[in-house]
Protein backbone atom coordinates (compact mmCIF):
# COMPACT_ATOMS: atom_id res chain seq x y z
CA MET A 1 -11.87 -21.39 -72.76
CA GLU A 2 -9.81 -18.56 -71.34
CA ILE A 3 -7.23 -17.44 -73.91
CA PRO A 4 -3.72 -17.20 -72.40
CA ASP A 5 -2.12 -13.75 -72.63
CA PRO A 6 0.68 -14.86 -75.02
CA LEU A 7 -1.91 -16.10 -77.50
CA ARG A 8 -3.82 -12.82 -77.21
CA GLN A 9 -0.56 -11.00 -77.95
CA LEU A 10 -0.35 -13.06 -81.15
CA GLY A 11 -3.86 -12.04 -82.18
CA VAL A 12 -6.02 -14.92 -80.94
CA ARG A 13 -9.50 -13.77 -79.96
CA ASP A 14 -12.77 -15.45 -78.99
CA ASP A 15 -14.03 -15.01 -82.56
CA THR A 16 -10.83 -15.96 -84.44
CA LEU A 17 -12.55 -19.22 -85.38
CA THR A 18 -16.17 -19.43 -86.47
CA ASP A 19 -18.68 -21.55 -84.58
CA HIS A 20 -18.77 -23.90 -87.57
CA GLU A 21 -14.98 -24.35 -87.52
CA ARG A 22 -14.99 -25.13 -83.80
CA ALA A 23 -17.84 -27.60 -84.33
CA GLN A 24 -15.87 -29.41 -87.03
CA LEU A 25 -12.95 -29.84 -84.65
CA ASP A 26 -15.27 -31.08 -81.92
CA GLU A 27 -17.36 -33.46 -84.02
CA LEU A 28 -15.11 -34.60 -86.88
CA GLY A 29 -11.65 -34.10 -85.37
CA TYR A 30 -10.31 -31.78 -88.08
CA VAL A 31 -10.90 -28.51 -89.90
CA ARG A 32 -9.49 -26.98 -93.09
CA LEU A 33 -8.45 -23.34 -92.86
CA GLU A 34 -8.06 -21.92 -96.34
CA GLY A 35 -5.38 -19.59 -97.69
CA ILE A 36 -3.27 -19.32 -94.55
CA MET A 37 -0.02 -19.11 -96.55
CA SER A 38 0.42 -16.86 -99.57
CA LEU A 39 1.71 -18.47 -102.76
CA GLU A 40 4.85 -16.35 -102.42
CA LEU A 41 5.50 -17.78 -98.95
CA VAL A 42 4.85 -21.32 -100.19
CA ASP A 43 7.36 -20.83 -103.02
CA ALA A 44 9.96 -19.54 -100.58
CA ILE A 45 9.42 -22.46 -98.19
CA ARG A 46 9.61 -24.98 -101.04
CA ALA A 47 12.93 -23.52 -102.16
CA ARG A 48 14.28 -23.62 -98.60
CA GLN A 49 13.13 -27.24 -98.25
CA GLU A 50 15.07 -28.25 -101.35
CA GLN A 51 18.15 -26.47 -100.06
CA LEU A 52 17.92 -28.16 -96.65
CA LEU A 53 17.42 -31.61 -98.17
CA SER A 54 20.50 -31.08 -100.32
CA GLU A 55 22.61 -29.77 -97.43
CA GLU A 56 21.56 -32.40 -94.88
CA GLY A 57 21.59 -35.40 -97.20
CA ASP A 58 21.20 -38.71 -95.34
CA LYS A 59 21.01 -36.82 -92.02
CA ALA A 60 17.81 -35.01 -92.97
CA GLY A 61 15.14 -35.49 -90.31
CA VAL A 62 17.36 -37.21 -87.76
CA GLU A 63 16.46 -34.75 -84.98
CA VAL A 64 13.00 -36.34 -84.72
CA HIS A 65 12.13 -39.05 -87.24
CA ARG A 66 13.14 -40.66 -90.52
CA GLU A 67 10.65 -42.71 -92.53
CA GLN A 68 11.20 -44.99 -95.49
CA GLY A 69 9.46 -43.76 -98.63
CA THR A 70 9.54 -40.10 -97.60
CA ASP A 71 11.83 -37.10 -97.44
CA ARG A 72 11.82 -35.76 -93.89
CA LEU A 73 13.16 -32.57 -92.32
CA SER A 74 13.06 -31.67 -88.63
CA ASP A 75 13.85 -28.79 -86.24
CA LEU A 76 12.58 -26.30 -88.81
CA ILE A 77 12.03 -23.51 -86.27
CA ASN A 78 15.82 -23.15 -86.11
CA LYS A 79 16.39 -23.35 -89.86
CA ASP A 80 14.69 -20.24 -91.24
CA PRO A 81 12.42 -17.41 -90.01
CA LEU A 82 10.05 -18.43 -92.82
CA TYR A 83 8.86 -21.22 -90.53
CA HIS A 84 7.94 -18.94 -87.63
CA ILE A 85 4.45 -18.47 -89.08
CA VAL A 86 3.65 -21.86 -87.53
CA ILE A 87 4.04 -20.43 -84.02
CA SER A 88 2.49 -17.06 -84.86
CA HIS A 89 -0.60 -17.34 -87.04
CA PRO A 90 -3.68 -16.54 -84.93
CA ARG A 91 -6.10 -18.77 -86.87
CA ILE A 92 -3.90 -21.83 -86.43
CA LEU A 93 -3.13 -21.09 -82.79
CA ALA A 94 -6.84 -20.56 -82.10
CA ALA A 95 -7.65 -23.99 -83.56
CA ILE A 96 -4.88 -25.72 -81.63
CA ALA A 97 -5.93 -23.92 -78.45
CA HIS A 98 -9.54 -25.02 -78.95
CA VAL A 99 -8.49 -28.68 -78.98
CA LEU A 100 -5.96 -28.38 -76.15
CA HIS A 101 -8.02 -25.98 -73.99
CA GLY A 102 -5.46 -23.19 -74.33
CA ASP A 103 -2.73 -25.32 -72.76
CA LEU A 104 -0.30 -25.73 -75.64
CA LYS A 105 3.28 -25.67 -76.82
CA LEU A 106 5.00 -26.73 -80.02
CA SER A 107 6.12 -30.35 -79.83
CA SER A 108 7.97 -30.29 -83.16
CA LEU A 109 7.97 -28.70 -86.59
CA ASN A 110 8.87 -31.19 -89.30
CA SER A 111 8.16 -31.74 -92.96
CA ARG A 112 7.17 -34.89 -94.82
CA ALA A 113 7.23 -35.47 -98.55
CA ALA A 114 5.62 -38.72 -99.73
CA LEU A 115 7.76 -39.97 -102.62
CA PRO A 116 6.26 -41.36 -105.85
CA GLY A 117 4.77 -44.80 -105.32
CA LEU A 118 5.34 -44.66 -101.57
CA GLY A 119 4.13 -43.00 -98.35
CA LEU A 120 1.39 -45.40 -97.21
CA GLN A 121 0.95 -45.47 -93.41
CA GLY A 122 -1.24 -47.59 -91.21
CA LEU A 123 -4.07 -45.81 -89.46
CA HIS A 124 -2.88 -44.57 -86.07
CA ALA A 125 -3.42 -41.95 -83.40
CA ASP A 126 -0.52 -39.81 -82.19
CA TRP A 127 -1.17 -40.79 -78.60
CA GLY A 128 -1.99 -43.86 -76.58
CA ARG A 129 -5.38 -44.62 -75.17
CA LEU A 130 -6.84 -41.67 -73.27
CA ASP A 131 -7.83 -42.34 -69.68
CA THR A 132 -10.46 -39.60 -69.93
CA PRO A 133 -12.19 -39.12 -73.30
CA GLY A 134 -11.97 -35.49 -74.33
CA ASP A 135 -8.83 -34.81 -72.30
CA TYR A 136 -6.83 -34.27 -75.48
CA GLN A 137 -3.05 -34.09 -75.29
CA VAL A 138 -1.89 -33.54 -78.88
CA CYS A 139 -2.99 -31.65 -81.99
CA ASN A 140 -1.37 -31.35 -85.42
CA SER A 141 -1.40 -28.72 -88.15
CA LEU A 142 -0.70 -29.78 -91.74
CA TRP A 143 0.66 -26.93 -93.86
CA LEU A 144 0.05 -27.80 -97.50
CA LEU A 145 3.04 -27.10 -99.76
CA ASP A 146 1.30 -29.07 -102.52
CA ASP A 147 -2.39 -29.66 -103.19
CA TYR A 148 -3.83 -32.62 -101.30
CA THR A 149 -5.50 -34.73 -104.00
CA PRO A 150 -7.01 -38.24 -104.20
CA THR A 151 -3.86 -39.55 -105.94
CA ASN A 152 -0.81 -37.89 -104.38
CA GLY A 153 -0.65 -39.39 -100.90
CA ALA A 154 -3.00 -37.11 -98.97
CA THR A 155 -3.87 -37.95 -95.37
CA ARG A 156 -6.86 -40.21 -94.68
CA VAL A 157 -8.83 -39.87 -91.44
CA VAL A 158 -11.68 -41.69 -89.73
CA PRO A 159 -13.92 -38.82 -88.56
CA GLY A 160 -15.06 -38.81 -84.96
CA THR A 161 -12.61 -41.43 -83.71
CA HIS A 162 -10.98 -38.86 -81.40
CA ARG A 163 -14.10 -39.05 -79.22
CA GLY A 164 -13.77 -42.75 -78.46
CA THR A 165 -11.38 -44.88 -76.47
CA GLN A 166 -10.39 -47.45 -79.11
CA LEU A 167 -7.27 -47.46 -81.27
CA PRO A 168 -7.01 -48.89 -84.81
CA PRO A 169 -5.47 -52.25 -83.77
CA ASP A 170 -8.49 -52.84 -81.52
CA VAL A 171 -10.79 -53.18 -84.54
CA MET A 172 -8.52 -53.73 -87.55
CA SER A 173 -6.32 -56.73 -88.24
CA ASP A 174 -4.31 -54.56 -90.65
CA PRO A 175 -4.37 -50.80 -89.98
CA SER A 176 -2.75 -50.25 -93.39
CA SER A 177 -5.95 -51.44 -95.06
CA ALA A 178 -8.92 -49.22 -95.85
CA HIS A 179 -11.39 -48.41 -93.08
CA PRO A 180 -15.06 -48.29 -94.15
CA ASP A 181 -15.55 -44.86 -92.59
CA GLU A 182 -12.31 -43.21 -93.69
CA ILE A 183 -12.24 -40.09 -95.83
CA LEU A 184 -9.40 -38.39 -97.66
CA LEU A 185 -8.47 -34.89 -96.55
CA GLN A 186 -8.15 -32.58 -99.54
CA GLY A 187 -7.01 -29.00 -99.85
CA LYS A 188 -5.14 -26.42 -101.87
CA VAL A 189 -1.58 -25.14 -101.63
CA GLY A 190 -1.47 -22.61 -98.77
CA ASP A 191 -4.28 -24.22 -96.78
CA VAL A 192 -3.70 -25.62 -93.30
CA LEU A 193 -5.53 -28.66 -91.97
CA VAL A 194 -5.74 -28.69 -88.17
CA MET A 195 -6.35 -32.17 -86.83
CA ASN A 196 -6.98 -33.45 -83.34
CA SER A 197 -4.16 -36.01 -83.32
CA HIS A 198 -6.24 -38.52 -81.38
CA THR A 199 -8.26 -38.92 -84.60
CA TRP A 200 -7.22 -42.04 -86.50
CA HIS A 201 -5.21 -40.99 -89.54
CA GLY A 202 -2.42 -42.00 -91.90
CA GLY A 203 -0.71 -41.06 -95.13
CA THR A 204 -1.85 -42.74 -98.36
CA ARG A 205 0.26 -43.94 -101.27
CA ASN A 206 1.50 -41.26 -103.65
CA LEU A 207 0.42 -42.45 -107.11
CA THR A 208 1.91 -39.48 -108.98
CA ASP A 209 5.40 -38.93 -110.39
CA ARG A 210 6.44 -36.18 -107.96
CA PRO A 211 6.78 -35.79 -104.17
CA ARG A 212 3.78 -34.52 -102.18
CA ARG A 213 5.06 -32.01 -99.59
CA VAL A 214 3.56 -30.92 -96.27
CA MET A 215 4.81 -29.42 -93.01
CA HIS A 216 3.66 -30.78 -89.65
CA GLY A 217 3.36 -28.23 -86.85
CA TYR A 218 2.69 -30.68 -84.03
CA PHE A 219 1.53 -29.35 -80.64
CA CYS A 220 1.09 -30.90 -77.20
CA ARG A 221 -0.03 -29.86 -73.74
CA ARG A 222 2.55 -27.85 -71.82
CA HIS A 223 3.28 -30.57 -69.25
CA GLN A 224 3.97 -33.20 -71.90
CA PRO A 225 7.48 -33.97 -73.20
CA PRO A 226 7.82 -32.61 -76.75
CA GLN A 227 9.08 -34.57 -79.73
CA LEU A 228 11.92 -32.05 -79.95
CA ASP A 229 12.82 -30.06 -76.84
CA GLN A 230 13.32 -26.46 -77.91
CA ASN A 231 15.01 -25.76 -74.58
CA ARG A 232 17.86 -27.98 -75.79
CA TYR A 233 17.81 -27.16 -79.49
CA ILE A 234 17.00 -23.45 -79.66
CA ARG A 235 19.80 -21.43 -81.23
CA ASP A 236 20.78 -17.98 -80.02
CA THR A 237 20.24 -16.62 -83.52
CA THR A 238 16.69 -17.98 -83.52
CA LEU A 239 15.92 -16.79 -80.01
CA ALA A 240 16.90 -13.23 -80.95
CA LEU A 241 14.14 -13.20 -83.59
CA LEU A 242 11.32 -14.42 -81.35
CA SER A 243 8.91 -12.33 -79.30
CA PRO A 244 8.16 -13.41 -75.70
CA ALA A 245 4.78 -14.71 -76.93
CA GLN A 246 6.42 -16.85 -79.61
CA GLN A 247 8.88 -18.16 -77.02
CA TRP A 248 5.90 -19.15 -74.86
CA VAL A 249 4.41 -21.09 -77.77
CA LEU A 250 7.71 -22.95 -78.11
CA GLY A 251 7.54 -23.89 -74.45
CA LEU A 252 10.86 -22.26 -73.64
CA GLY A 253 11.47 -22.41 -69.91
CA VAL A 254 8.93 -25.22 -69.41
């Protein structure tokens, strides 16, 4: 893969990922990158999340998606420079670029908190059936603001399903039920899980007494329509903070 110049400007190199990390993305459909966010940054983002949820109330998340049983926020790129790490961190961008062959832009940056007793999703892929296996169109990054544990609503995946042509309803009468090959993604606060979004996945039920928080930095190919069009939503105050390379990652002008 030839690395586009804007990604090189943001520090992406041929060796930014290890061979093992690239192989995990290729074979399993996901990789965990440890310690991407400092605990200080996580604390600052958590505090900002609480502030935004309070300020936005029942309008929180409306820019992209609201979901029963969760607290959602959307359009985070515009809501604090804290969030700009999602379009800047070379390890994350290298992983996204590996899946999307260097042809990427941010589709949306949202957050999802699975509320106590809730959050179960059916297994799904974030794209329809691919005409050409391997011609991936979408890739997600999950920024852990809480540990992902077996009991707090972590994401389940069915490894390797990104390489096929079937979707969960093709083989499951109820995609909300357990799949025999599914595993639970686990990780620590500050880790980022990069997932080929054609891999079957879904949130599990949060069995604890507190919300389980994660940010979704969702990317697509540059010719695809994004979930949230930054060309329409970008604020002048945000634009003034962004380098040309970061603007490229946002797909501004596309």
